[in-house]
């Protein structure tokens, strides 16, 4: 029995070409529809859980103390000094 007789008599049910076509359509439908829908569902679920947990967080507000302000001033002075040194080093390398 050759392949023409098999396909003419439909002993295999669906032909090989039909199976390949169905596999391609299934693959395409999965990538185009099912995976984006699943990704959207997971993102939506994560957002719902995130907003639900937001309600149970404790937010603290405090005023900076003098020590904190002094540390911030010292950091700004160090940053300015670093920028000045980098500027001087850069211009000395150019000359």
PDB file of N, CA and C in Angstrom:
ATOM      1  N   UNK A   1       0.859  -1.166   0.000  1.00  0.00           N
ATOM      2  CA  UNK A   1       0.000   0.000   0.000  1.00  0.00           C
ATOM      3  C   UNK A   1       0.905   1.230   0.000  1.00  0.00           C
ATOM      4  N   UNK A   2       0.736   2.092  -0.972  1.00  0.00           N
ATOM      5  CA  UNK A   2       1.559   3.299  -1.029  1.00  0.00           C
ATOM      6  C   UNK A   2       0.831   4.468  -0.352  1.00  0.00           C
ATOM      7  N   UNK A   3       1.510   5.620  -0.311  1.00  0.00           N
ATOM      8  CA  UNK A   3       0.947   6.756   0.422  1.00  0.00           C
ATOM      9  C   UNK A   3      -0.299   7.309  -0.238  1.00  0.00           C
ATOM     10  N   UNK A   4      -0.377   7.257  -1.549  1.00  0.00           N
ATOM     11  CA  UNK A   4      -1.592   7.752  -2.215  1.00  0.00           C
ATOM     12  C   UNK A   4      -2.808   6.951  -1.799  1.00  0.00           C
ATOM     13  N   UNK A   5      -2.645   5.644  -1.704  1.00  0.00           N
ATOM     14  CA  UNK A   5      -3.773   4.805  -1.303  1.00  0.00           C
ATOM     15  C   UNK A   5      -4.169   5.068   0.148  1.00  0.00           C
ATOM     16  N   UNK A   6      -3.170   5.315   0.989  1.00  0.00           N
ATOM     17  CA  UNK A   6      -3.473   5.587   2.403  1.00  0.00           C
ATOM     18  C   UNK A   6      -4.295   6.861   2.529  1.00  0.00           C
ATOM     19  N   UNK A   7      -3.878   7.933   1.815  1.00  0.00           N
ATOM     20  CA  UNK A   7      -4.592   9.198   1.928  1.00  0.00           C
ATOM     21  C   UNK A   7      -5.941   9.161   1.215  1.00  0.00           C
ATOM     22  N   UNK A   8      -6.021   8.395   0.129  1.00  0.00           N
ATOM     23  CA  UNK A   8      -7.306   8.289  -0.566  1.00  0.00           C
ATOM     24  C   UNK A   8      -8.320   7.532   0.282  1.00  0.00           C
ATOM     25  N   UNK A   9      -7.870   6.488   0.924  1.00  0.00           N
ATOM     26  CA  UNK A   9      -8.781   5.686   1.740  1.00  0.00           C
ATOM     27  C   UNK A   9      -8.982   6.278   3.139  1.00  0.00           C
ATOM     28  N   UNK A  10      -8.201   7.277   3.478  1.00  0.00           N
ATOM     29  CA  UNK A  10      -8.274   7.951   4.782  1.00  0.00           C
ATOM     30  C   UNK A  10      -8.152   6.962   5.937  1.00  0.00           C
ATOM     31  N   UNK A  11      -7.202   6.048   5.794  1.00  0.00           N
ATOM     32  CA  UNK A  11      -7.003   5.081   6.857  1.00  0.00           C
ATOM     33  C   UNK A  11      -6.272   5.694   8.052  1.00  0.00           C
ATOM     34  N   UNK A  12      -5.548   6.790   7.817  1.00  0.00           N
ATOM     35  CA  UNK A  12      -4.860   7.445   8.927  1.00  0.00           C
ATOM     36  C   UNK A  12      -5.732   8.508   9.593  1.00  0.00           C
ATOM     37  N   UNK A  13      -6.938   8.675   9.142  1.00  0.00           N
ATOM     38  CA  UNK A  13      -7.767   9.746   9.691  1.00  0.00           C
ATOM     39  C   UNK A  13      -7.338  11.054   9.063  1.00  0.00           C
ATOM     40  N   UNK A  14      -6.597  11.835   9.806  1.00  0.00           N
ATOM     41  CA  UNK A  14      -6.048  13.076   9.262  1.00  0.00           C
ATOM     42  C   UNK A  14      -4.734  12.785   8.572  1.00  0.00           C
ATOM     43  N   UNK A  15      -4.473  13.483   7.478  1.00  0.00           N
ATOM     44  CA  UNK A  15      -3.217  13.312   6.774  1.00  0.00           C
ATOM     45  C   UNK A  15      -2.085  13.969   7.522  1.00  0.00           C
ATOM     46  N   UNK A  16      -0.878  13.665   7.105  1.00  0.00           N
ATOM     47  CA  UNK A  16       0.307  14.240   7.737  1.00  0.00           C
ATOM     48  C   UNK A  16       0.308  15.753   7.586  1.00  0.00           C
ATOM     49  N   UNK A  17      -0.089  16.226   6.399  1.00  0.00           N
ATOM     50  CA  UNK A  17      -0.127  17.671   6.169  1.00  0.00           C
ATOM     51  C   UNK A  17      -1.138  18.333   7.106  1.00  0.00           C
ATOM     52  N   UNK A  18      -2.251  17.660   7.320  1.00  0.00           N
ATOM     53  CA  UNK A  18      -3.256  18.215   8.224  1.00  0.00           C
ATOM     54  C   UNK A  18      -2.728  18.266   9.654  1.00  0.00           C
ATOM     55  N   UNK A  19      -2.003  17.242  10.067  1.00  0.00           N
ATOM     56  CA  UNK A  19      -1.432  17.237  11.419  1.00  0.00           C
ATOM     57  C   UNK A  19      -0.406  18.353  11.578  1.00  0.00           C
ATOM     58  N   UNK A  20       0.417  18.556  10.550  1.00  0.00           N
ATOM     59  CA  UNK A  20       1.399  19.633  10.614  1.00  0.00           C
ATOM     60  C   UNK A  20       0.693  20.982  10.664  1.00  0.00           C
ATOM     61  N   UNK A  21      -0.359  21.114   9.864  1.00  0.00           N
ATOM     62  CA  UNK A  21      -1.136  22.356   9.874  1.00  0.00           C
ATOM     63  C   UNK A  21      -1.775  22.609  11.221  1.00  0.00           C
ATOM     64  N   UNK A  22      -2.354  21.567  11.816  1.00  0.00           N
ATOM     65  CA  UNK A  22      -2.970  21.724  13.144  1.00  0.00           C
ATOM     66  C   UNK A  22      -1.928  22.064  14.208  1.00  0.00           C
ATOM     67  N   UNK A  23      -0.748  21.453  14.109  1.00  0.00           N
ATOM     68  CA  UNK A  23       0.316  21.765  15.063  1.00  0.00           C
ATOM     69  C   UNK A  23       0.762  23.214  14.913  1.00  0.00           C
ATOM     70  N   UNK A  24       0.883  23.677  13.675  1.00  0.00           N
ATOM     71  CA  UNK A  24       1.273  25.065  13.441  1.00  0.00           C
ATOM     72  C   UNK A  24       0.214  26.030  13.966  1.00  0.00           C
ATOM     73  N   UNK A  25      -1.036  25.727  13.699  1.00  0.00           N
ATOM     74  CA  UNK A  25      -2.115  26.596  14.186  1.00  0.00           C
ATOM     75  C   UNK A  25      -2.146  26.600  15.707  1.00  0.00           C
ATOM     76  N   UNK A  26      -1.982  25.439  16.302  1.00  0.00           N
ATOM     77  CA  UNK A  26      -1.953  25.370  17.774  1.00  0.00           C
ATOM     78  C   UNK A  26      -0.790  26.155  18.345  1.00  0.00           C
ATOM     79  N   UNK A  27       0.366  26.033  17.746  1.00  0.00           N
ATOM     80  CA  UNK A  27       1.548  26.772  18.198  1.00  0.00           C
ATOM     81  C   UNK A  27       1.321  28.273  18.059  1.00  0.00           C
ATOM     82  N   UNK A  28       0.778  28.687  16.916  1.00  0.00           N
ATOM     83  CA  UNK A  28       0.535  30.108  16.677  1.00  0.00           C
ATOM     84  C   UNK A  28      -0.500  30.663  17.646  1.00  0.00           C
ATOM     85  N   UNK A  29      -1.580  29.941  17.839  1.00  0.00           N
ATOM     86  CA  UNK A  29      -2.615  30.394  18.775  1.00  0.00           C
ATOM     87  C   UNK A  29      -2.046  30.499  20.184  1.00  0.00           C
ATOM     88  N   UNK A  30      -1.211  29.557  20.551  1.00  0.00           N
ATOM     89  CA  UNK A  30      -0.596  29.606  21.880  1.00  0.00           C
ATOM     90  C   UNK A  30       0.261  30.835  22.059  1.00  0.00           C
ATOM     91  N   UNK A  31       1.111  31.136  21.090  1.00  0.00           N
ATOM     92  CA  UNK A  31       2.001  32.301  21.202  1.00  0.00           C
ATOM     93  C   UNK A  31       1.260  33.611  21.074  1.00  0.00           C
ATOM     94  N   UNK A  32       0.265  33.670  20.206  1.00  0.00           N
ATOM     95  CA  UNK A  32      -0.410  34.945  19.945  1.00  0.00           C
ATOM     96  C   UNK A  32      -1.463  35.240  20.999  1.00  0.00           C
ATOM     97  N   UNK A  33      -2.145  34.226  21.497  1.00  0.00           N
ATOM     98  CA  UNK A  33      -3.254  34.474  22.416  1.00  0.00           C
ATOM     99  C   UNK A  33      -2.999  33.968  23.835  1.00  0.00           C
ATOM    100  N   UNK A  34      -2.632  32.709  23.974  1.00  0.00           N
ATOM    101  CA  UNK A  34      -2.592  32.101  25.300  1.00  0.00           C
ATOM    102  C   UNK A  34      -1.469  32.654  26.177  1.00  0.00           C
ATOM    103  N   UNK A  35      -0.262  32.788  25.640  1.00  0.00           N
ATOM    104  CA  UNK A  35       0.855  33.287  26.449  1.00  0.00           C
ATOM    105  C   UNK A  35       0.639  34.734  26.870  1.00  0.00           C
ATOM    106  N   UNK A  36       0.214  35.652  25.980  1.00  0.00           N
ATOM    107  CA  UNK A  36      -0.063  37.022  26.453  1.00  0.00           C
ATOM    108  C   UNK A  36      -1.190  37.091  27.485  1.00  0.00           C
ATOM    109  N   UNK A  37      -2.209  36.264  27.307  1.00  0.00           N
ATOM    110  CA  UNK A  37      -3.304  36.263  28.291  1.00  0.00           C
ATOM    111  C   UNK A  37      -2.788  35.774  29.641  1.00  0.00           C
ATOM    112  N   UNK A  38      -1.978  34.729  29.639  1.00  0.00           N
ATOM    113  CA  UNK A  38      -1.420  34.221  30.899  1.00  0.00           C
ATOM    114  C   UNK A  38      -0.497  35.251  31.534  1.00  0.00           C
ATOM    115  N   UNK A  39       0.320  35.926  30.739  1.00  0.00           N
ATOM    116  CA  UNK A  39       1.216  36.955  31.281  1.00  0.00           C
ATOM    117  C   UNK A  39       0.405  38.094  31.892  1.00  0.00           C
ATOM    118  N   UNK A  40      -0.639  38.527  31.204  1.00  0.00           N
ATOM    119  CA  UNK A  40      -1.497  39.588  31.737  1.00  0.00           C
ATOM    120  C   UNK A  40      -2.162  39.146  33.036  1.00  0.00           C
ATOM    121  N   UNK A  41      -2.601  37.895  33.095  1.00  0.00           N
ATOM    122  CA  UNK A  41      -3.245  37.391  34.315  1.00  0.00           C
ATOM    123  C   UNK A  41      -2.262  37.385  35.484  1.00  0.00           C
ATOM    124  N   UNK A  42      -1.010  36.958  35.256  1.00  0.00           N
ATOM    125  CA  UNK A  42      -0.016  36.963  36.332  1.00  0.00           C
ATOM    126  C   UNK A  42       0.315  38.387  36.775  1.00  0.00           C
ATOM    127  N   UNK A  43       0.433  39.311  35.827  1.00  0.00           N
ATOM    128  CA  UNK A  43       0.700  40.706  36.194  1.00  0.00           C
ATOM    129  C   UNK A  43      -0.452  41.296  37.000  1.00  0.00           C
ATOM    130  N   UNK A  44      -1.671  41.012  36.577  1.00  0.00           N
ATOM    131  CA  UNK A  44      -2.839  41.508  37.293  1.00  0.00           C
ATOM    132  C   UNK A  44      -2.901  40.927  38.709  1.00  0.00           C
ATOM    133  N   UNK A  45      -2.630  39.633  38.838  1.00  0.00           N
ATOM    134  CA  UNK A  45      -2.620  38.999  40.153  1.00  0.00           C
ATOM    135  C   UNK A  45      -1.545  39.626  41.053  1.00  0.00           C
ATOM    136  N   UNK A  46      -0.353  39.847  40.496  1.00  0.00           N
ATOM    137  CA  UNK A  46       0.717  40.469  41.275  1.00  0.00           C
ATOM    138  C   UNK A  46       0.353  41.868  41.723  1.00  0.00           C
ATOM    139  N   UNK A  47      -0.315  42.622  40.848  1.00  0.00           N
ATOM    140  CA  UNK A  47      -0.715  43.979  41.214  1.00  0.00           C
ATOM    141  C   UNK A  47      -1.768  43.958  42.318  1.00  0.00           C
ATOM    142  N   UNK A  48      -2.706  43.030  42.226  1.00  0.00           N
ATOM    143  CA  UNK A  48      -3.747  42.928  43.262  1.00  0.00           C
ATOM    144  C   UNK A  48      -3.117  42.582  44.608  1.00  0.00           C
ATOM    145  N   UNK A  49      -2.194  41.629  44.619  1.00  0.00           N
ATOM    146  CA  UNK A  49      -1.520  41.255  45.874  1.00  0.00           C
ATOM    147  C   UNK A  49      -0.703  42.423  46.402  1.00  0.00           C
ATOM    148  N   UNK A  50      -0.015  43.139  45.514  1.00  0.00           N
ATOM    149  CA  UNK A  50       0.790  44.291  45.922  1.00  0.00           C
ATOM    150  C   UNK A  50      -0.076  45.376  46.560  1.00  0.00           C
ATOM    151  N   UNK A  51      -1.216  45.687  45.950  1.00  0.00           N
ATOM    152  CA  UNK A  51      -2.082  46.726  46.514  1.00  0.00           C
ATOM    153  C   UNK A  51      -2.706  46.262  47.827  1.00  0.00           C
ATOM    154  N   UNK A  52      -2.987  44.985  47.944  1.00  0.00           N
ATOM    155  CA  UNK A  52      -3.550  44.468  49.188  1.00  0.00           C
ATOM    156  C   UNK A  52      -2.534  44.585  50.329  1.00  0.00           C
ATOM    157  N   UNK A  53      -1.251  44.335  50.026  1.00  0.00           N
ATOM    158  CA  UNK A  53      -0.220  44.418  51.055  1.00  0.00           C
ATOM    159  C   UNK A  53       0.163  45.854  51.370  1.00  0.00           C
ATOM    160  N   UNK A  54      -0.124  46.791  50.454  1.00  0.00           N
ATOM    161  CA  UNK A  54       0.170  48.200  50.708  1.00  0.00           C
ATOM    162  C   UNK A  54      -0.583  48.691  51.935  1.00  0.00           C
ATOM    163  N   UNK A  55      -1.756  48.165  52.170  1.00  0.00           N
ATOM    164  CA  UNK A  55      -2.587  48.626  53.276  1.00  0.00           C
ATOM    165  C   UNK A  55      -1.974  48.287  54.632  1.00  0.00           C
ATOM    166  N   UNK A  56      -1.134  47.267  54.685  1.00  0.00           N
ATOM    167  CA  UNK A  56      -0.596  46.799  55.953  1.00  0.00           C
ATOM    168  C   UNK A  56       0.802  47.328  56.241  1.00  0.00           C
ATOM    169  N   UNK A  57       1.236  48.321  55.481  1.00  0.00           N
ATOM    170  CA  UNK A  57       2.562  48.886  55.713  1.00  0.00           C
ATOM    171  C   UNK A  57       2.470  50.047  56.678  1.00  0.00           C
ATOM    172  N   UNK A  58       3.541  50.261  57.397  1.00  0.00           N
ATOM    173  CA  UNK A  58       3.619  51.356  58.351  1.00  0.00           C
ATOM    174  C   UNK A  58       4.553  52.407  57.775  1.00  0.00           C
ATOM    175  N   UNK A  59       4.052  53.619  57.669  1.00  0.00           N
ATOM    176  CA  UNK A  59       4.863  54.725  57.185  1.00  0.00           C
ATOM    177  C   UNK A  59       5.251  55.606  58.365  1.00  0.00           C
ATOM    178  N   UNK A  60       6.531  55.878  58.484  1.00  0.00           N
ATOM    179  CA  UNK A  60       7.023  56.719  59.562  1.00  0.00           C
ATOM    180  C   UNK A  60       7.438  58.064  59.002  1.00  0.00           C
ATOM    181  N   UNK A  61       7.071  59.111  59.699  1.00  0.00           N
ATOM    182  CA  UNK A  61       7.512  60.445  59.337  1.00  0.00           C
ATOM    183  C   UNK A  61       8.249  61.008  60.544  1.00  0.00           C
ATOM    184  N   UNK A  62       9.424  61.534  60.301  1.00  0.00           N
ATOM    185  CA  UNK A  62      10.200  62.080  61.392  1.00  0.00           C
ATOM    186  C   UNK A  62      10.921  63.321  60.913  1.00  0.00           C
ATOM    187  N   UNK A  63      11.240  64.166  61.851  1.00  0.00           N
ATOM    188  CA  UNK A  63      11.971  65.383  61.533  1.00  0.00           C
ATOM    189  C   UNK A  63      13.462  65.095  61.681  1.00  0.00           C
ATOM    190  N   UNK A  64      14.258  65.633  60.768  1.00  0.00           N
ATOM    191  CA  UNK A  64      15.698  65.390  60.894  1.00  0.00           C
ATOM    192  C   UNK A  64      16.272  66.121  62.112  1.00  0.00           C
ATOM    193  N   UNK A  65      17.130  65.430  62.826  1.00  0.00           N
ATOM    194  CA  UNK A  65      17.768  66.031  64.001  1.00  0.00           C
ATOM    195  C   UNK A  65      18.972  66.846  63.547  1.00  0.00           C
ATOM    196  N   UNK A  66      19.574  67.546  64.489  1.00  0.00           N
ATOM    197  CA  UNK A  66      20.763  68.352  64.180  1.00  0.00           C
ATOM    198  C   UNK A  66      21.911  67.464  63.704  1.00  0.00           C
ATOM    199  N   UNK A  67      22.045  66.285  64.303  1.00  0.00           N
ATOM    200  CA  UNK A  67      23.122  65.373  63.895  1.00  0.00           C
ATOM    201  C   UNK A  67      22.927  64.933  62.450  1.00  0.00           C
ATOM    202  N   UNK A  68      21.688  64.642  62.055  1.00  0.00           N
ATOM    203  CA  UNK A  68      21.412  64.238  60.681  1.00  0.00           C
ATOM    204  C   UNK A  68      21.706  65.376  59.713  1.00  0.00           C
ATOM    205  N   UNK A  69      21.352  66.589  60.113  1.00  0.00           N
ATOM    206  CA  UNK A  69      21.632  67.742  59.253  1.00  0.00           C
ATOM    207  C   UNK A  69      23.134  67.965  59.118  1.00  0.00           C
ATOM    208  N   UNK A  70      23.876  67.756  60.206  1.00  0.00           N
ATOM    209  CA  UNK A  70      25.330  67.923  60.158  1.00  0.00           C
ATOM    210  C   UNK A  70      25.966  66.880  59.237  1.00  0.00           C
ATOM    211  N   UNK A  71      25.482  65.651  59.301  1.00  0.00           N
ATOM    212  CA  UNK A  71      26.006  64.601  58.434  1.00  0.00           C
ATOM    213  C   UNK A  71      25.722  64.944  56.969  1.00  0.00           C
ATOM    214  N   UNK A  72      24.523  65.442  56.690  1.00  0.00           N
ATOM    215  CA  UNK A  72      24.165  65.803  55.319  1.00  0.00           C
ATOM    216  C   UNK A  72      25.045  66.947  54.818  1.00  0.00           C
ATOM    217  N   UNK A  73      25.312  67.943  55.686  1.00  0.00           N
ATOM    218  CA  UNK A  73      26.190  69.049  55.289  1.00  0.00           C
ATOM    219  C   UNK A  73      27.597  68.548  55.002  1.00  0.00           C
ATOM    220  N   UNK A  74      28.109  67.650  55.851  1.00  0.00           N
ATOM    221  CA  UNK A  74      29.452  67.097  55.659  1.00  0.00           C
ATOM    222  C   UNK A  74      29.529  66.318  54.345  1.00  0.00           C
ATOM    223  N   UNK A  75      28.497  65.548  54.029  1.00  0.00           N
ATOM    224  CA  UNK A  75      28.480  64.803  52.775  1.00  0.00           C
ATOM    225  C   UNK A  75      28.479  65.738  51.575  1.00  0.00           C
ATOM    226  N   UNK A  76      27.738  66.834  51.664  1.00  0.00           N
ATOM    227  CA  UNK A  76      27.719  67.799  50.559  1.00  0.00           C
ATOM    228  C   UNK A  76      29.090  68.459  50.397  1.00  0.00           C
ATOM    229  N   UNK A  77      29.752  68.776  51.509  1.00  0.00           N
ATOM    230  CA  UNK A  77      31.092  69.357  51.432  1.00  0.00           C
ATOM    231  C   UNK A  77      32.077  68.376  50.786  1.00  0.00           C
ATOM    232  N   UNK A  78      32.000  67.105  51.186  1.00  0.00           N
ATOM    233  CA  UNK A  78      32.880  66.094  50.592  1.00  0.00           C
ATOM    234  C   UNK A  78      32.609  65.918  49.100  1.00  0.00           C
ATOM    235  N   UNK A  79      31.348  65.978  48.712  1.00  0.00           N
ATOM    236  CA  UNK A  79      30.995  65.845  47.302  1.00  0.00           C
ATOM    237  C   UNK A  79      31.558  67.016  46.497  1.00  0.00           C
ATOM    238  N   UNK A  80      31.420  68.229  47.038  1.00  0.00           N
ATOM    239  CA  UNK A  80      31.954  69.402  46.346  1.00  0.00           C
ATOM    240  C   UNK A  80      33.478  69.329  46.245  1.00  0.00           C
ATOM    241  N   UNK A  81      34.129  68.872  47.309  1.00  0.00           N
ATOM    242  CA  UNK A  81      35.585  68.745  47.303  1.00  0.00           C
ATOM    243  C   UNK A  81      36.021  67.706  46.259  1.00  0.00           C
ATOM    244  N   UNK A  82      35.303  66.614  46.185  1.00  0.00           N
ATOM    245  CA  UNK A  82      35.621  65.577  45.194  1.00  0.00           C
ATOM    246  C   UNK A  82      35.471  66.133  43.781  1.00  0.00           C
ATOM    247  N   UNK A  83      34.374  66.868  43.535  1.00  0.00           N
ATOM    248  CA  UNK A  83      34.168  67.454  42.213  1.00  0.00           C
ATOM    249  C   UNK A  83      35.278  68.448  41.872  1.00  0.00           C
ATOM    250  N   UNK A  84      35.699  69.240  42.835  1.00  0.00           N
ATOM    251  CA  UNK A  84      36.769  70.214  42.611  1.00  0.00           C
ATOM    252  C   UNK A  84      38.072  69.503  42.270  1.00  0.00           C
ATOM    253  N   UNK A  85      38.405  68.444  43.020  1.00  0.00           N
ATOM    254  CA  UNK A  85      39.629  67.692  42.763  1.00  0.00           C
ATOM    255  C   UNK A  85      39.584  67.008  41.390  1.00  0.00           C
ATOM    256  N   UNK A  86      38.436  66.448  41.039  1.00  0.00           N
ATOM    257  CA  UNK A  86      38.305  65.799  39.728  1.00  0.00           C
ATOM    258  C   UNK A  86      38.452  66.825  38.606  1.00  0.00           C
ATOM    259  N   UNK A  87      37.882  68.016  38.808  1.00  0.00           N
ATOM    260  CA  UNK A  87      37.987  69.079  37.814  1.00  0.00           C
ATOM    261  C   UNK A  87      39.442  69.502  37.638  1.00  0.00           C
ATOM    262  N   UNK A  88      40.151  69.696  38.759  1.00  0.00           N
ATOM    263  CA  UNK A  88      41.562  70.091  38.689  1.00  0.00           C
ATOM    264  C   UNK A  88      42.417  69.007  38.032  1.00  0.00           C
ATOM    265  N   UNK A  89      42.149  67.754  38.384  1.00  0.00           N
ATOM    266  CA  UNK A  89      42.910  66.648  37.813  1.00  0.00           C
ATOM    267  C   UNK A  89      42.663  66.553  36.305  1.00  0.00           C
ATOM    268  N   UNK A  90      41.438  66.724  35.911  1.00  0.00           N
ATOM    269  CA  UNK A  90      41.095  66.636  34.493  1.00  0.00           C
ATOM    270  C   UNK A  90      41.793  67.742  33.696  1.00  0.00           C
ATOM    271  N   UNK A  91      41.770  68.964  34.244  1.00  0.00           N
ATOM    272  CA  UNK A  91      42.402  70.071  33.518  1.00  0.00           C
ATOM    273  C   UNK A  91      43.922  69.993  33.555  1.00  0.00           C
ATOM    274  N   UNK A  92      44.505  69.396  34.578  1.00  0.00           N
ATOM    275  CA  UNK A  92      45.953  69.256  34.603  1.00  0.00           C
ATOM    276  C   UNK A  92      46.416  68.184  33.615  1.00  0.00           C
ATOM    277  N   UNK A  93      45.580  67.180  33.349  1.00  0.00           N
ATOM    278  CA  UNK A  93      45.922  66.153  32.369  1.00  0.00           C
ATOM    279  C   UNK A  93      45.843  66.685  30.947  1.00  0.00           C
ATOM    280  N   UNK A  94      44.951  67.625  30.699  1.00  0.00           N
ATOM    281  CA  UNK A  94      44.788  68.185  29.367  1.00  0.00           C
ATOM    282  C   UNK A  94      46.006  69.030  28.991  1.00  0.00           C
ATOM    283  N   UNK A  95      46.568  69.777  29.952  1.00  0.00           N
ATOM    284  CA  UNK A  95      47.709  70.669  29.672  1.00  0.00           C
ATOM    285  C   UNK A  95      48.975  69.925  29.549  1.00  0.00           C
TER     286      UNK A  95
END
